[in-house]
Amino acid sequence: MQTNELHPDLSLIQNADLNGKIVLVRFDHNVVKGGEIRDPFRIDRTIGTLFHIVERGGRPIMMTHVGRPKDKKTGKIDCRNDESVEPIIQYLEQKLHSKIHVPSFPVEPEKGIAGIDTSINLAIRELRERRIGGIYLPNTRWFQGEEGKGKIRESFALQLAGLADIYVNDAFGSWQAHASTYDITKHLPSYAGFLLQQEIINLSRVLNPERPFVAVVAGAKYDTKIKPLYAIYEKVDRLILGGVIYNTFLCAKYDIKIKGVLDDDIKLARELVEKDRTQNKIVELPYIVESDILDERIEGKYRTISTRGFSPGKSYNYILDIDPKSFEDEQVADAIGTAKTIFVNAVMGYTPHFSLGSQALDHTIDRNSTGMKMYGGGDTLQEFKSLCPGLYLSVMDNANYYFFTGGGTVLTAIEQGSPYGLKPVQALMATEST
């Protein structure tokens, strides 16, 4: 890894004195759904940092968030078993052949865990004496202070700091400024792990792309993607849309109605339509799949229609996928085939029943053998892996592919124009390394 591509003020783990130190390391191991690991990719990408800590004499205390246990409206925290870190522990113990301790703290109904108490001290002693391989804290979002405010947050950050000598952030996907990603850096010497470094380096290939640059962006909500969408629009040479974002754009452009698309979102999308009338960057996918029903794929209940048949005032049922023949369209094939950089943060269809559009997209992109192909994390990567398993395995070590571990983080960095605007990254530049 060429560390000279990173900002010189970023504190790096390779410059830390780890020998004999307890190292508190924040990962983004948010891969558990329904009590099971859907895809261990994010865990596997952090093994290098974990190995480095141990190999250089450090003793790791690990932590991550899982899911969204806190109700944003009521503030209640629900510590459900299916959002426990236990499956992560089991996976790491099998992978590393090492014993990992999970401390247990009292849980208050609807309030979560008040804080870290002294019951953890025995485990820390065992960690120092190498009787256990590591400690893994409970889901950070189960703690009242993680997303809290004021004294309870300050207290939690101090409790975390009291566990260790050094803090390492390797959680690229966790870009929000929470106690375990941001506040903690005020109290301990803090460093960027190897995954975080690699993600920042690769972000520069999206922020300063080799051209032509094509982005493929989809999403279930238009209003939440407006700012990053506009930022991406300014940066790209061509833009391909999918999902509800594309449906909303079509409604605004052709003055039509599509079931499930909100009128307020259509109004918001008109600005993008007007912008594109002059800049002409959006590549239209002409063949789309209309379905009478949302949750099933039943023969006779869905059909392929063409955007070229749209006329003002017409109404359509749910548009749930892109027909694969859209990617054979001359304009679409040329945009993807000639691109030097492609960034994908998109699932094109309403999965699991409508997935042919995503499959066709991935295979079309793969036929561009010289361009740099970069995929956002989360659902995008999961769908790639499940829909095109052979292709996924064949490109994992391909130098022309890169898979980010956090799609939302990439979009936020694009919106800000720099990875160094992300609060947790900023915090690693503001601290003094000792």
Protein backbone atom coordinates (compact mmCIF):
# COMPACT_ATOMS: atom_id res chain seq x y z
CA MET A 1 0.00 0.00 0.00
CA GLN A 2 1.34 3.43 -0.95
CA THR A 3 0.81 5.46 2.20
CA ASN A 4 2.08 8.58 0.41
CA GLU A 5 -1.31 8.72 -1.30
CA LEU A 6 -2.88 9.47 2.06
CA HIS A 7 -3.05 12.88 3.71
CA PRO A 8 0.19 13.43 5.65
CA ASP A 9 -1.74 14.42 8.80
CA LEU A 10 -3.65 11.13 8.97
CA SER A 11 -2.36 9.03 11.88
CA LEU A 12 -1.61 5.49 10.66
CA ILE A 13 -1.59 2.24 12.63
CA GLN A 14 1.80 1.28 11.20
CA ASN A 15 3.29 4.27 13.04
CA ALA A 16 1.83 3.33 16.43
CA ASP A 17 3.74 1.61 19.24
CA LEU A 18 1.48 -1.40 19.89
CA ASN A 19 3.77 -3.66 21.90
CA GLY A 20 2.19 -4.63 25.21
CA LYS A 21 -0.70 -2.21 24.63
CA ILE A 22 -4.43 -2.82 24.88
CA VAL A 23 -5.81 -1.66 21.53
CA LEU A 24 -9.46 -0.65 21.24
CA VAL A 25 -10.40 -1.18 17.60
CA ARG A 26 -13.66 -0.08 15.98
CA PHE A 27 -14.75 -2.22 13.04
CA ASP A 28 -17.78 -2.05 10.79
CA HIS A 29 -18.85 -5.69 11.21
CA ASN A 30 -22.50 -4.76 10.64
CA VAL A 31 -23.19 -7.94 8.67
CA VAL A 32 -25.75 -9.66 10.93
CA LYS A 33 -29.39 -9.81 9.82
CA GLY A 34 -31.95 -11.95 11.58
CA GLY A 35 -29.25 -13.32 13.87
CA GLU A 36 -27.12 -14.64 10.98
CA ILE A 37 -24.17 -13.38 8.96
CA ARG A 38 -25.36 -12.69 5.43
CA ASP A 39 -21.90 -12.07 3.98
CA PRO A 40 -18.61 -12.03 5.96
CA PHE A 41 -16.86 -9.76 3.41
CA ARG A 42 -16.65 -6.78 5.79
CA ILE A 43 -15.22 -8.99 8.55
CA ASP A 44 -12.67 -10.60 6.23
CA ARG A 45 -11.43 -7.20 5.05
CA THR A 46 -10.42 -6.29 8.63
CA ILE A 47 -8.41 -9.44 9.41
CA GLY A 48 -5.21 -7.70 8.22
CA THR A 49 -5.56 -4.94 10.81
CA LEU A 50 -6.34 -7.47 13.53
CA PHE A 51 -3.31 -9.60 12.59
CA HIS A 52 -1.09 -6.51 12.56
CA ILE A 53 -2.17 -5.53 16.08
CA VAL A 54 -1.45 -9.00 17.50
CA GLU A 55 1.73 -9.55 15.47
CA ARG A 56 3.18 -6.32 16.86
CA GLY A 57 2.36 -7.25 20.45
CA GLY A 58 -0.99 -5.53 20.90
CA ARG A 59 -4.00 -7.05 22.62
CA PRO A 60 -7.31 -6.25 20.89
CA ILE A 61 -10.65 -5.14 22.30
CA MET A 62 -13.04 -5.03 19.35
CA MET A 63 -16.38 -3.34 18.79
CA THR A 64 -18.97 -2.71 16.08
CA HIS A 65 -22.56 -1.60 15.71
CA VAL A 66 -25.21 -3.99 14.38
CA GLY A 67 -28.49 -2.78 12.88
CA ARG A 68 -30.55 0.10 14.24
CA PRO A 69 -31.70 -0.87 17.75
CA LYS A 70 -32.53 2.74 18.67
CA ASP A 71 -35.91 4.14 17.66
CA LYS A 72 -35.14 7.61 16.31
CA LYS A 73 -38.58 8.95 17.26
CA THR A 74 -38.96 7.59 20.79
CA GLY A 75 -35.29 7.17 21.73
CA LYS A 76 -35.98 3.64 23.00
CA ILE A 77 -33.22 1.05 22.58
CA ASP A 78 -34.26 -2.54 21.91
CA CYS A 79 -31.42 -5.01 22.61
CA ARG A 80 -32.70 -7.84 20.43
CA ASN A 81 -30.84 -11.14 20.18
CA ASP A 82 -30.91 -10.95 16.38
CA GLU A 83 -28.75 -7.80 16.59
CA SER A 84 -26.18 -9.36 18.89
CA VAL A 85 -22.48 -9.62 17.99
CA GLU A 86 -22.49 -13.36 18.85
CA PRO A 87 -22.49 -14.58 15.20
CA ILE A 88 -19.47 -12.32 14.53
CA ILE A 89 -17.63 -13.82 17.52
CA GLN A 90 -18.36 -17.36 16.32
CA TYR A 91 -17.09 -16.52 12.84
CA LEU A 92 -13.89 -14.91 14.14
CA GLU A 93 -13.17 -17.76 16.57
CA GLN A 94 -13.46 -20.28 13.72
CA LYS A 95 -11.38 -18.12 11.41
CA LEU A 96 -8.63 -17.27 13.90
CA HIS A 97 -8.66 -20.39 16.13
CA SER A 98 -8.68 -18.09 19.13
CA LYS A 99 -10.92 -17.55 22.16
CA ILE A 100 -12.80 -14.24 22.20
CA HIS A 101 -14.60 -13.04 25.32
CA VAL A 102 -17.90 -11.15 25.14
CA PRO A 103 -18.59 -9.19 28.33
CA SER A 104 -22.13 -8.97 29.63
CA PHE A 105 -23.62 -5.79 31.12
CA PRO A 106 -27.05 -5.13 32.67
CA VAL A 107 -29.70 -4.18 30.12
CA GLU A 108 -32.47 -1.78 31.11
CA PRO A 109 -35.76 -2.41 29.25
CA GLU A 110 -36.19 0.15 26.43
CA LYS A 111 -33.08 2.03 27.62
CA GLY A 112 -30.32 -0.36 26.64
CA ILE A 113 -26.99 -0.63 28.47
CA ALA A 114 -26.17 2.26 30.82
CA GLY A 115 -22.41 1.81 30.50
CA ILE A 116 -19.32 -0.35 30.91
CA ASP A 117 -18.81 -1.48 34.51
CA THR A 118 -15.83 -2.95 36.35
CA SER A 119 -16.91 -6.54 35.63
CA ILE A 120 -14.82 -6.29 32.45
CA ASN A 121 -11.56 -5.84 34.37
CA LEU A 122 -10.95 -9.57 34.91
CA ALA A 123 -11.28 -10.21 31.17
CA ILE A 124 -8.83 -7.37 30.41
CA ARG A 125 -6.34 -8.97 32.81
CA GLU A 126 -6.76 -12.32 31.01
CA LEU A 127 -6.28 -10.52 27.70
CA ARG A 128 -3.02 -8.94 28.87
CA GLU A 129 -1.82 -12.34 30.13
CA ARG A 130 -2.79 -13.96 26.79
CA ARG A 131 -5.26 -16.39 28.30
CA ILE A 132 -7.82 -15.13 25.77
CA GLY A 133 -7.22 -13.89 22.23
CA GLY A 134 -9.46 -10.85 22.38
CA ILE A 135 -12.49 -9.13 23.83
CA TYR A 136 -15.50 -8.13 21.73
CA LEU A 137 -17.87 -5.59 23.27
CA PRO A 138 -21.65 -5.88 22.83
CA ASN A 139 -23.32 -4.01 19.95
CA THR A 140 -22.17 -0.39 20.45
CA ARG A 141 -25.69 0.87 19.67
CA TRP A 142 -27.02 -1.05 22.66
CA PHE A 143 -25.16 1.47 24.86
CA GLN A 144 -27.13 4.61 25.77
CA GLY A 145 -24.10 6.82 25.19
CA GLU A 146 -23.23 5.68 21.63
CA GLU A 147 -25.81 7.85 19.89
CA GLY A 148 -26.80 9.83 22.98
CA LYS A 149 -26.05 13.43 23.87
CA GLY A 150 -24.48 15.34 26.72
CA LYS A 151 -23.11 13.67 29.83
CA ILE A 152 -24.20 10.12 29.02
CA ARG A 153 -22.32 10.24 25.72
CA GLU A 154 -19.29 11.87 27.30
CA SER A 155 -19.31 9.26 30.05
CA PHE A 156 -19.48 6.38 27.54
CA ALA A 157 -16.54 7.77 25.54
CA LEU A 158 -14.50 8.00 28.75
CA GLN A 159 -15.48 4.44 29.73
CA LEU A 160 -14.31 3.17 26.33
CA ALA A 161 -11.05 5.08 26.66
CA GLY A 162 -10.51 3.62 30.13
CA LEU A 163 -10.32 0.12 28.64
CA ALA A 164 -7.31 0.68 26.41
CA ASP A 165 -4.02 2.43 25.66
CA ILE A 166 -4.60 3.06 21.96
CA TYR A 167 -7.60 3.46 19.63
CA VAL A 168 -7.75 2.24 16.02
CA ASN A 169 -10.58 3.02 13.61
CA ASP A 170 -10.98 0.50 10.80
CA ALA A 171 -14.72 1.12 10.31
CA PHE A 172 -15.02 2.74 6.88
CA GLY A 173 -18.75 2.00 6.69
CA SER A 174 -19.45 3.80 9.98
CA TRP A 175 -19.14 7.41 8.85
CA GLN A 176 -21.47 8.94 11.45
CA ALA A 177 -19.83 10.80 14.33
CA HIS A 178 -20.82 8.56 17.25
CA ALA A 179 -19.06 8.01 20.57
CA SER A 180 -17.18 4.91 19.37
CA THR A 181 -16.07 6.46 16.06
CA TYR A 182 -15.48 10.10 17.00
CA ASP A 183 -15.64 11.13 20.69
CA ILE A 184 -13.24 8.37 21.73
CA THR A 185 -10.40 10.03 19.79
CA LYS A 186 -10.36 12.93 22.26
CA HIS A 187 -9.13 10.60 25.00
CA LEU A 188 -6.67 8.14 23.38
CA PRO A 189 -3.87 8.23 20.78
CA SER A 190 -5.85 7.31 17.65
CA TYR A 191 -4.93 5.75 14.31
CA ALA A 192 -6.43 4.61 11.01
CA GLY A 193 -6.43 0.85 10.40
CA PHE A 194 -5.35 -0.71 7.10
CA LEU A 195 -8.85 -1.16 5.67
CA LEU A 196 -9.75 2.47 6.37
CA GLN A 197 -6.52 3.55 4.67
CA GLN A 198 -7.19 1.40 1.62
CA GLU A 199 -10.76 2.67 1.28
CA ILE A 200 -9.59 6.30 1.45
CA ILE A 201 -6.98 5.66 -1.25
CA ASN A 202 -9.55 4.06 -3.52
CA LEU A 203 -12.05 6.85 -2.86
CA SER A 204 -9.63 9.17 -4.64
CA ARG A 205 -10.20 7.10 -7.80
CA VAL A 206 -13.88 7.98 -7.60
CA LEU A 207 -13.35 11.61 -6.58
CA ASN A 208 -10.61 12.16 -9.20
CA PRO A 209 -11.59 9.58 -11.83
CA GLU A 210 -9.94 8.65 -15.09
CA ARG A 211 -12.43 9.65 -17.78
CA PRO A 212 -14.91 8.90 -19.21
CA PHE A 213 -16.48 8.37 -15.77
CA VAL A 214 -19.83 6.55 -15.52
CA ALA A 215 -21.80 6.14 -12.31
CA VAL A 216 -24.74 3.79 -11.77
CA VAL A 217 -26.91 4.84 -8.84
CA ALA A 218 -30.18 3.36 -7.57
CA GLY A 219 -32.15 3.53 -4.37
CA ALA A 220 -35.47 2.90 -2.69
CA LYS A 221 -36.00 6.57 -1.76
CA TYR A 222 -35.43 9.65 -3.88
CA ASP A 223 -35.44 12.35 -1.19
CA THR A 224 -32.61 10.74 0.83
CA LYS A 225 -30.32 10.53 -2.21
CA ILE A 226 -30.77 14.07 -3.59
CA LYS A 227 -27.55 15.63 -2.28
CA PRO A 228 -25.18 12.79 -3.21
CA LEU A 229 -27.04 12.33 -6.51
CA TYR A 230 -26.46 15.97 -7.48
CA ALA A 231 -22.83 15.75 -6.37
CA ILE A 232 -22.34 12.63 -8.51
CA TYR A 233 -24.12 14.29 -11.45
CA GLU A 234 -21.61 17.15 -11.42
CA LYS A 235 -18.68 14.73 -11.36
CA VAL A 236 -19.68 12.14 -14.01
CA ASP A 237 -19.59 12.11 -17.79
CA ARG A 238 -22.60 9.77 -17.91
CA LEU A 239 -25.10 8.72 -15.23
CA ILE A 240 -27.31 5.62 -15.19
CA LEU A 241 -30.19 5.46 -12.71
CA GLY A 242 -32.14 2.50 -11.32
CA GLY A 243 -34.78 1.61 -8.75
CA VAL A 244 -37.19 4.17 -7.33
CA ILE A 245 -34.74 6.95 -8.23
CA TYR A 246 -35.07 6.08 -11.92
CA ASN A 247 -38.85 5.71 -11.67
CA THR A 248 -39.06 9.17 -10.07
CA PHE A 249 -36.87 10.66 -12.80
CA LEU A 250 -39.07 9.11 -15.52
CA CYS A 251 -42.22 10.53 -13.89
CA ALA A 252 -40.69 14.00 -13.81
CA LYS A 253 -39.29 13.83 -17.33
CA TYR A 254 -42.34 12.40 -19.13
CA ASP A 255 -45.10 13.76 -16.85
CA ILE A 256 -46.41 10.26 -16.14
CA LYS A 257 -47.50 8.41 -12.99
CA ILE A 258 -45.85 5.24 -11.69
CA LYS A 259 -47.41 3.40 -8.77
CA GLY A 260 -45.46 3.87 -5.55
CA VAL A 261 -43.69 7.07 -6.64
CA LEU A 262 -44.53 10.04 -4.39
CA ASP A 263 -45.72 13.34 -5.86
CA ASP A 264 -43.35 15.27 -3.60
CA ASP A 265 -40.39 13.28 -4.94
CA ILE A 266 -41.50 13.93 -8.53
CA LYS A 267 -41.42 17.66 -7.81
CA LEU A 268 -37.90 17.33 -6.42
CA ALA A 269 -36.78 15.35 -9.47
CA ARG A 270 -37.86 18.06 -11.91
CA GLU A 271 -34.75 20.06 -11.05
CA LEU A 272 -32.56 17.14 -12.16
CA VAL A 273 -34.61 16.78 -15.37
CA GLU A 274 -34.11 20.48 -16.17
CA LYS A 275 -30.40 20.25 -15.43
CA ASP A 276 -30.09 17.25 -17.75
CA ARG A 277 -31.89 18.98 -20.65
CA THR A 278 -28.76 21.07 -21.18
CA GLN A 279 -26.02 18.74 -19.92
CA ASN A 280 -27.47 15.48 -21.27
CA LYS A 281 -25.56 13.17 -18.93
CA ILE A 282 -28.30 10.71 -17.94
CA VAL A 283 -28.34 7.58 -20.09
CA GLU A 284 -31.89 6.29 -20.31
CA LEU A 285 -32.53 2.57 -19.88
CA PRO A 286 -35.32 2.21 -22.46
CA TYR A 287 -36.84 -1.16 -21.53
CA ILE A 288 -38.37 -1.54 -18.08
CA VAL A 289 -40.54 -4.15 -16.35
CA GLU A 290 -44.02 -3.16 -15.21
CA SER A 291 -45.80 -5.38 -12.67
CA ASP A 292 -49.38 -5.36 -11.43
CA ILE A 293 -48.30 -6.62 -8.01
CA LEU A 294 -45.37 -5.71 -5.75
CA ASP A 295 -44.33 -8.80 -3.86
CA GLU A 296 -44.46 -11.61 -6.41
CA ARG A 297 -43.39 -12.40 -9.95
CA ILE A 298 -46.39 -14.09 -11.55
CA GLU A 299 -46.58 -14.89 -15.26
CA GLY A 300 -49.11 -12.63 -16.94
CA LYS A 301 -48.88 -10.07 -14.13
CA TYR A 302 -45.74 -8.36 -15.43
CA ARG A 303 -44.52 -7.18 -18.84
CA THR A 304 -41.71 -5.24 -20.53
CA ILE A 305 -42.61 -1.74 -21.67
CA SER A 306 -40.56 0.94 -23.42
CA THR A 307 -39.95 4.49 -22.22
CA ARG A 308 -40.26 5.48 -25.87
CA GLY A 309 -44.00 4.85 -25.60
CA PHE A 310 -44.48 7.30 -22.71
CA SER A 311 -46.82 10.24 -23.19
CA PRO A 312 -47.96 12.91 -20.68
CA GLY A 313 -50.73 11.94 -18.28
CA LYS A 314 -50.37 8.15 -18.64
CA SER A 315 -50.32 5.97 -15.51
CA TYR A 316 -48.41 2.74 -14.92
CA ASN A 317 -48.32 0.06 -12.28
CA TYR A 318 -45.15 -0.75 -10.33
CA ILE A 319 -41.90 -0.56 -12.31
CA LEU A 320 -39.83 -3.25 -10.62
CA ASP A 321 -36.88 -4.00 -12.89
CA ILE A 322 -34.82 -3.07 -15.92
CA ASP A 323 -35.22 -5.47 -18.84
CA PRO A 324 -31.78 -6.92 -19.75
CA LYS A 325 -32.19 -5.82 -23.36
CA SER A 326 -31.80 -2.22 -22.12
CA PHE A 327 -28.09 -2.98 -21.79
CA GLU A 328 -27.95 -3.99 -25.45
CA ASP A 329 -29.18 -0.52 -26.43
CA GLU A 330 -26.45 1.26 -28.41
CA GLN A 331 -26.26 4.31 -26.13
CA VAL A 332 -26.20 2.27 -22.93
CA ALA A 333 -23.68 -0.29 -24.20
CA ASP A 334 -21.41 2.48 -25.51
CA ALA A 335 -21.52 4.48 -22.25
CA ILE A 336 -20.54 1.44 -20.17
CA GLY A 337 -18.17 -0.11 -22.71
CA THR A 338 -16.03 3.00 -23.25
CA ALA A 339 -15.83 4.14 -19.61
CA LYS A 340 -12.42 4.32 -17.93
CA THR A 341 -13.97 4.48 -14.44
CA ILE A 342 -17.30 2.95 -13.40
CA PHE A 343 -18.80 3.43 -9.94
CA VAL A 344 -21.82 1.29 -9.03
CA ASN A 345 -24.05 1.83 -6.02
CA ALA A 346 -27.15 0.18 -7.38
CA VAL A 347 -29.54 -2.74 -7.26
CA MET A 348 -31.60 -2.32 -10.42
CA GLY A 349 -34.64 -4.43 -9.52
CA TYR A 350 -37.00 -5.09 -6.64
CA THR A 351 -35.35 -8.23 -5.28
CA PRO A 352 -35.67 -11.13 -4.78
CA HIS A 353 -38.34 -11.52 -7.49
CA PHE A 354 -36.95 -9.04 -10.01
CA SER A 355 -33.20 -9.45 -10.40
CA LEU A 356 -32.50 -9.83 -14.13
CA GLY A 357 -31.65 -6.14 -14.52
CA SER A 358 -28.91 -6.31 -11.87
CA GLN A 359 -27.46 -9.46 -13.43
CA ALA A 360 -27.39 -7.86 -16.88
CA LEU A 361 -25.78 -4.70 -15.48
CA ASP A 362 -22.95 -6.61 -13.78
CA HIS A 363 -22.19 -8.73 -16.84
CA THR A 364 -22.29 -5.68 -19.15
CA ILE A 365 -19.85 -3.85 -16.87
CA ASP A 366 -17.55 -6.89 -16.79
CA ARG A 367 -17.31 -6.86 -20.59
CA ASN A 368 -15.45 -3.56 -20.23
CA SER A 369 -12.07 -5.21 -19.68
CA THR A 370 -9.92 -2.08 -19.32
CA GLY A 371 -12.00 0.26 -17.14
CA MET A 372 -11.70 0.50 -13.36
CA LYS A 373 -14.89 -0.94 -11.85
CA MET A 374 -15.76 0.12 -8.31
CA TYR A 375 -18.75 -1.14 -6.33
CA GLY A 376 -20.32 0.47 -3.27
CA GLY A 377 -20.92 -1.75 -0.24
CA GLY A 378 -23.96 -3.27 1.42
CA ASP A 379 -26.85 -4.34 -0.79
CA THR A 380 -24.94 -3.67 -4.03
CA LEU A 381 -22.21 -6.14 -3.13
CA GLN A 382 -24.63 -8.67 -1.64
CA GLU A 383 -26.72 -8.73 -4.83
CA PHE A 384 -23.62 -9.02 -7.02
CA LYS A 385 -22.47 -12.01 -5.00
CA SER A 386 -25.85 -13.79 -4.93
CA LEU A 387 -26.90 -13.05 -8.53
CA CYS A 388 -23.53 -13.55 -10.24
CA PRO A 389 -21.56 -15.88 -7.91
CA GLY A 390 -19.20 -17.12 -10.62
CA LEU A 391 -18.40 -13.62 -11.82
CA TYR A 392 -17.99 -12.40 -8.24
CA LEU A 393 -15.44 -15.11 -7.43
CA SER A 394 -13.55 -14.53 -10.67
CA VAL A 395 -13.08 -10.79 -10.07
CA MET A 396 -12.33 -10.72 -6.33
CA ASP A 397 -8.59 -10.45 -7.00
CA ASN A 398 -8.90 -8.57 -10.29
CA ALA A 399 -6.93 -5.31 -10.19
CA ASN A 400 -9.62 -3.62 -12.30
CA TYR A 401 -12.27 -4.23 -9.60
CA TYR A 402 -12.63 -2.71 -6.15
CA PHE A 403 -15.40 -3.40 -3.63
CA PHE A 404 -15.97 -0.76 -0.96
CA THR A 405 -17.26 -1.91 2.43
CA GLY A 406 -19.59 1.07 2.82
CA GLY A 407 -21.68 2.45 -0.04
CA GLY A 408 -23.24 5.17 2.12
CA THR A 409 -19.77 6.35 3.15
CA VAL A 410 -18.71 6.64 -0.50
CA LEU A 411 -21.82 8.69 -1.34
CA THR A 412 -21.21 10.96 1.67
CA ALA A 413 -17.56 11.49 0.65
CA ILE A 414 -18.64 12.28 -2.92
CA GLU A 415 -21.16 14.78 -1.57
CA GLN A 416 -18.44 16.43 0.54
CA GLY A 417 -15.84 16.19 -2.21
CA SER A 418 -13.26 14.51 0.06
CA PRO A 419 -12.91 11.53 2.42
CA TYR A 420 -11.21 13.87 4.87
CA GLY A 421 -14.49 15.67 5.51
CA LEU A 422 -15.91 12.54 7.17
CA LYS A 423 -16.00 13.24 10.92
CA PRO A 424 -14.36 9.98 12.10
CA VAL A 425 -11.54 10.50 9.57
CA GLN A 426 -11.15 14.14 10.62
CA ALA A 427 -10.77 12.97 14.21
CA LEU A 428 -7.80 10.78 13.25
CA MET A 429 -6.08 13.83 11.78
CA ALA A 430 -6.74 16.07 14.75
CA THR A 431 -5.22 13.80 17.41
CA GLU A 432 -1.58 13.75 18.36
CA SER A 433 0.02 10.33 17.89
CA THR A 434 2.31 9.25 20.70
